[in-house]
């Protein structure tokens, strides 16, 4: 637990330093600033590529270097192109360690749900097309 907190704090400091190179305050004194901070995915990727301390923090959290270039996409749950610190922390917690069976089942269930929703949309679209053709 201590390792996790230390490395996440290091990563957040690296992000803050990128946003403001003059940043030198303690993390505890800038909680509101951290909460409001949003990064474009490309900014986050650049931090990981350019800041050895950030990359090392992820290494210590067992996040593979092979994944660093893809983390912005992986950690962006709404695919909006921006990451909050909360999204980064939540996503990194889920990425640590080996995948569990429950992770695989959860993804399978989400995919099935999306397939079901797509079928409903396609059915509604076909019905609308048929209806409009008869007008």
C-alpha atoms as a PDB file:
ATOM      1  CA  UNK A   1       0.000   0.000   0.000  1.00  0.00           C
ATOM      2  CA  UNK A   2       2.840   2.349   0.848  1.00  0.00           C
ATOM      3  CA  UNK A   3       4.553   1.668  -2.482  1.00  0.00           C
ATOM      4  CA  UNK A   4       1.304   2.436  -4.328  1.00  0.00           C
ATOM      5  CA  UNK A   5       0.808   5.766  -2.543  1.00  0.00           C
ATOM      6  CA  UNK A   6       4.420   6.816  -2.990  1.00  0.00           C
ATOM      7  CA  UNK A   7       4.507   6.047  -6.711  1.00  0.00           C
ATOM      8  CA  UNK A   8       1.120   7.643  -7.423  1.00  0.00           C
ATOM      9  CA  UNK A   9       2.275  10.761  -5.568  1.00  0.00           C
ATOM     10  CA  UNK A  10       5.430  10.768  -7.704  1.00  0.00           C
ATOM     11  CA  UNK A  11       3.378  10.452 -10.883  1.00  0.00           C
ATOM     12  CA  UNK A  12       1.045  13.276  -9.825  1.00  0.00           C
ATOM     13  CA  UNK A  13       4.057  15.496  -9.055  1.00  0.00           C
ATOM     14  CA  UNK A  14       5.409  14.788 -12.551  1.00  0.00           C
ATOM     15  CA  UNK A  15       2.060  15.715 -14.091  1.00  0.00           C
ATOM     16  CA  UNK A  16       1.892  18.932 -12.050  1.00  0.00           C
ATOM     17  CA  UNK A  17       5.472  19.786 -13.001  1.00  0.00           C
ATOM     18  CA  UNK A  18       4.520  19.342 -16.664  1.00  0.00           C
ATOM     19  CA  UNK A  19       1.493  21.641 -16.230  1.00  0.00           C
ATOM     20  CA  UNK A  20       3.567  24.221 -14.328  1.00  0.00           C
ATOM     21  CA  UNK A  21       7.371  23.846 -14.440  1.00  0.00           C
ATOM     22  CA  UNK A  22       7.658  26.193 -11.438  1.00  0.00           C
ATOM     23  CA  UNK A  23       5.415  23.961  -9.312  1.00  0.00           C
ATOM     24  CA  UNK A  24       7.044  23.155  -5.996  1.00  0.00           C
ATOM     25  CA  UNK A  25       4.165  23.021  -3.504  1.00  0.00           C
ATOM     26  CA  UNK A  26       3.373  19.952  -1.424  1.00  0.00           C
ATOM     27  CA  UNK A  27       0.639  17.808  -2.916  1.00  0.00           C
ATOM     28  CA  UNK A  28      -1.470  18.269   0.189  1.00  0.00           C
ATOM     29  CA  UNK A  29      -1.547  22.030  -0.381  1.00  0.00           C
ATOM     30  CA  UNK A  30      -2.825  21.790  -3.955  1.00  0.00           C
ATOM     31  CA  UNK A  31      -5.602  19.189  -3.767  1.00  0.00           C
ATOM     32  CA  UNK A  32      -8.116  21.459  -5.530  1.00  0.00           C
ATOM     33  CA  UNK A  33      -5.649  22.098  -8.352  1.00  0.00           C
ATOM     34  CA  UNK A  34      -5.113  18.345  -8.720  1.00  0.00           C
ATOM     35  CA  UNK A  35      -8.864  17.672  -8.798  1.00  0.00           C
ATOM     36  CA  UNK A  36      -9.402  20.222 -11.574  1.00  0.00           C
ATOM     37  CA  UNK A  37      -6.453  19.129 -13.700  1.00  0.00           C
ATOM     38  CA  UNK A  38      -7.307  17.567 -17.055  1.00  0.00           C
ATOM     39  CA  UNK A  39      -4.671  16.353 -19.486  1.00  0.00           C
ATOM     40  CA  UNK A  40      -5.013  15.632 -23.152  1.00  0.00           C
ATOM     41  CA  UNK A  41      -4.065  12.036 -23.843  1.00  0.00           C
ATOM     42  CA  UNK A  42      -1.086  13.161 -25.910  1.00  0.00           C
ATOM     43  CA  UNK A  43       0.171  15.268 -22.992  1.00  0.00           C
ATOM     44  CA  UNK A  44       0.044  12.279 -20.671  1.00  0.00           C
ATOM     45  CA  UNK A  45       1.877  10.124 -23.205  1.00  0.00           C
ATOM     46  CA  UNK A  46       4.528  12.835 -23.612  1.00  0.00           C
ATOM     47  CA  UNK A  47       5.045  13.009 -19.857  1.00  0.00           C
ATOM     48  CA  UNK A  48       5.629   9.269 -19.718  1.00  0.00           C
ATOM     49  CA  UNK A  49       8.038   9.404 -22.651  1.00  0.00           C
ATOM     50  CA  UNK A  50       9.986  12.468 -21.515  1.00  0.00           C
ATOM     51  CA  UNK A  51       9.984  12.212 -17.733  1.00  0.00           C
ATOM     52  CA  UNK A  52      12.087   9.305 -16.501  1.00  0.00           C
ATOM     53  CA  UNK A  53      10.719   9.742 -12.979  1.00  0.00           C
ATOM     54  CA  UNK A  54       7.126   9.265 -14.208  1.00  0.00           C
ATOM     55  CA  UNK A  55       8.063   6.183 -16.229  1.00  0.00           C
ATOM     56  CA  UNK A  56       9.973   4.754 -13.269  1.00  0.00           C
ATOM     57  CA  UNK A  57       6.971   5.289 -10.982  1.00  0.00           C
ATOM     58  CA  UNK A  58       4.854   3.208 -13.366  1.00  0.00           C
ATOM     59  CA  UNK A  59       7.587   0.566 -13.530  1.00  0.00           C
ATOM     60  CA  UNK A  60       7.477   0.284  -9.743  1.00  0.00           C
ATOM     61  CA  UNK A  61       3.696  -0.153  -9.979  1.00  0.00           C
ATOM     62  CA  UNK A  62       4.189  -3.114 -12.354  1.00  0.00           C
ATOM     63  CA  UNK A  63       2.810  -1.205 -15.351  1.00  0.00           C
ATOM     64  CA  UNK A  64       4.701  -2.560 -18.341  1.00  0.00           C
ATOM     65  CA  UNK A  65       6.746  -0.088 -20.407  1.00  0.00           C
ATOM     66  CA  UNK A  66       5.124  -1.701 -23.444  1.00  0.00           C
ATOM     67  CA  UNK A  67       1.819  -0.215 -22.252  1.00  0.00           C
ATOM     68  CA  UNK A  68       3.038   3.344 -21.618  1.00  0.00           C
ATOM     69  CA  UNK A  69       2.304   4.555 -25.173  1.00  0.00           C
ATOM     70  CA  UNK A  70      -1.254   3.203 -24.913  1.00  0.00           C
ATOM     71  CA  UNK A  71      -2.100   4.282 -21.368  1.00  0.00           C
ATOM     72  CA  UNK A  72      -3.870   7.464 -22.437  1.00  0.00           C
ATOM     73  CA  UNK A  73      -6.336   5.391 -24.476  1.00  0.00           C
ATOM     74  CA  UNK A  74      -6.592   2.661 -21.861  1.00  0.00           C
ATOM     75  CA  UNK A  75      -7.274   5.101 -19.012  1.00  0.00           C
ATOM     76  CA  UNK A  76      -9.788   7.290 -20.896  1.00  0.00           C
ATOM     77  CA  UNK A  77     -13.097   5.601 -19.999  1.00  0.00           C
ATOM     78  CA  UNK A  78     -15.352   7.960 -21.957  1.00  0.00           C
ATOM     79  CA  UNK A  79     -12.967   8.187 -24.932  1.00  0.00           C
ATOM     80  CA  UNK A  80     -13.137  11.971 -24.684  1.00  0.00           C
ATOM     81  CA  UNK A  81      -9.433  12.530 -25.263  1.00  0.00           C
ATOM     82  CA  UNK A  82      -8.772  14.009 -21.814  1.00  0.00           C
ATOM     83  CA  UNK A  83      -7.730  12.396 -18.560  1.00  0.00           C
ATOM     84  CA  UNK A  84      -8.376  13.596 -15.050  1.00  0.00           C
ATOM     85  CA  UNK A  85      -6.070  12.618 -12.219  1.00  0.00           C
ATOM     86  CA  UNK A  86      -8.954  10.545 -10.809  1.00  0.00           C
ATOM     87  CA  UNK A  87      -9.254   8.606 -14.094  1.00  0.00           C
ATOM     88  CA  UNK A  88      -5.502   8.012 -14.151  1.00  0.00           C
ATOM     89  CA  UNK A  89      -5.421   6.752 -10.557  1.00  0.00           C
ATOM     90  CA  UNK A  90      -8.528   4.563 -10.962  1.00  0.00           C
ATOM     91  CA  UNK A  91      -7.258   3.078 -14.206  1.00  0.00           C
ATOM     92  CA  UNK A  92      -3.775   2.376 -12.875  1.00  0.00           C
ATOM     93  CA  UNK A  93      -5.265   0.573  -9.874  1.00  0.00           C
ATOM     94  CA  UNK A  94      -7.100  -1.722 -12.254  1.00  0.00           C
ATOM     95  CA  UNK A  95      -4.056  -2.299 -14.455  1.00  0.00           C
ATOM     96  CA  UNK A  96      -1.725  -3.524 -11.745  1.00  0.00           C
ATOM     97  CA  UNK A  97      -0.788  -7.172 -11.651  1.00  0.00           C
ATOM     98  CA  UNK A  98      -1.966 -10.061 -13.727  1.00  0.00           C
ATOM     99  CA  UNK A  99      -5.458 -10.124 -15.225  1.00  0.00           C
ATOM    100  CA  UNK A 100      -7.962 -12.006 -13.117  1.00  0.00           C
ATOM    101  CA  UNK A 101     -10.704 -14.241 -14.357  1.00  0.00           C
ATOM    102  CA  UNK A 102     -13.240 -11.674 -13.150  1.00  0.00           C
ATOM    103  CA  UNK A 103     -11.625  -9.044 -15.412  1.00  0.00           C
ATOM    104  CA  UNK A 104     -12.091 -11.262 -18.448  1.00  0.00           C
ATOM    105  CA  UNK A 105     -15.685 -12.128 -17.523  1.00  0.00           C
ATOM    106  CA  UNK A 106     -16.498  -8.439 -16.956  1.00  0.00           C
ATOM    107  CA  UNK A 107     -15.206  -7.526 -20.425  1.00  0.00           C
ATOM    108  CA  UNK A 108     -17.110 -10.429 -21.969  1.00  0.00           C
ATOM    109  CA  UNK A 109     -20.331  -9.267 -20.307  1.00  0.00           C
ATOM    110  CA  UNK A 110     -19.783  -5.677 -21.473  1.00  0.00           C
ATOM    111  CA  UNK A 111     -19.199  -6.824 -25.051  1.00  0.00           C
ATOM    112  CA  UNK A 112     -22.355  -8.941 -24.963  1.00  0.00           C
ATOM    113  CA  UNK A 113     -24.322  -5.971 -23.664  1.00  0.00           C
ATOM    114  CA  UNK A 114     -22.951  -3.768 -26.459  1.00  0.00           C
ATOM    115  CA  UNK A 115     -23.838  -6.404 -29.038  1.00  0.00           C
ATOM    116  CA  UNK A 116     -27.385  -6.569 -27.675  1.00  0.00           C
ATOM    117  CA  UNK A 117     -27.666  -2.765 -27.794  1.00  0.00           C
ATOM    118  CA  UNK A 118     -26.334  -2.691 -31.368  1.00  0.00           C
ATOM    119  CA  UNK A 119     -28.920  -5.285 -32.415  1.00  0.00           C
ATOM    120  CA  UNK A 120     -31.671  -3.134 -30.879  1.00  0.00           C
ATOM    121  CA  UNK A 121     -30.433  -0.046 -32.708  1.00  0.00           C
ATOM    122  CA  UNK A 122     -30.199  -1.931 -36.018  1.00  0.00           C
ATOM    123  CA  UNK A 123     -33.690  -3.350 -35.557  1.00  0.00           C
ATOM    124  CA  UNK A 124     -35.109   0.096 -34.779  1.00  0.00           C
ATOM    125  CA  UNK A 125     -33.282   1.533 -37.769  1.00  0.00           C
ATOM    126  CA  UNK A 126     -34.709  -1.158 -40.082  1.00  0.00           C
ATOM    127  CA  UNK A 127     -38.203  -0.547 -38.727  1.00  0.00           C
ATOM    128  CA  UNK A 128     -37.823   3.211 -39.226  1.00  0.00           C
ATOM    129  CA  UNK A 129     -36.546   2.680 -42.759  1.00  0.00           C
ATOM    130  CA  UNK A 130     -39.511   0.427 -43.550  1.00  0.00           C
ATOM    131  CA  UNK A 131     -41.921   2.915 -42.014  1.00  0.00           C
ATOM    132  CA  UNK A 132     -40.472   5.829 -43.993  1.00  0.00           C
ATOM    133  CA  UNK A 133     -40.537   3.827 -47.210  1.00  0.00           C
ATOM    134  CA  UNK A 134     -44.301   3.347 -46.774  1.00  0.00           C
ATOM    135  CA  UNK A 135     -45.069   7.043 -46.237  1.00  0.00           C
END
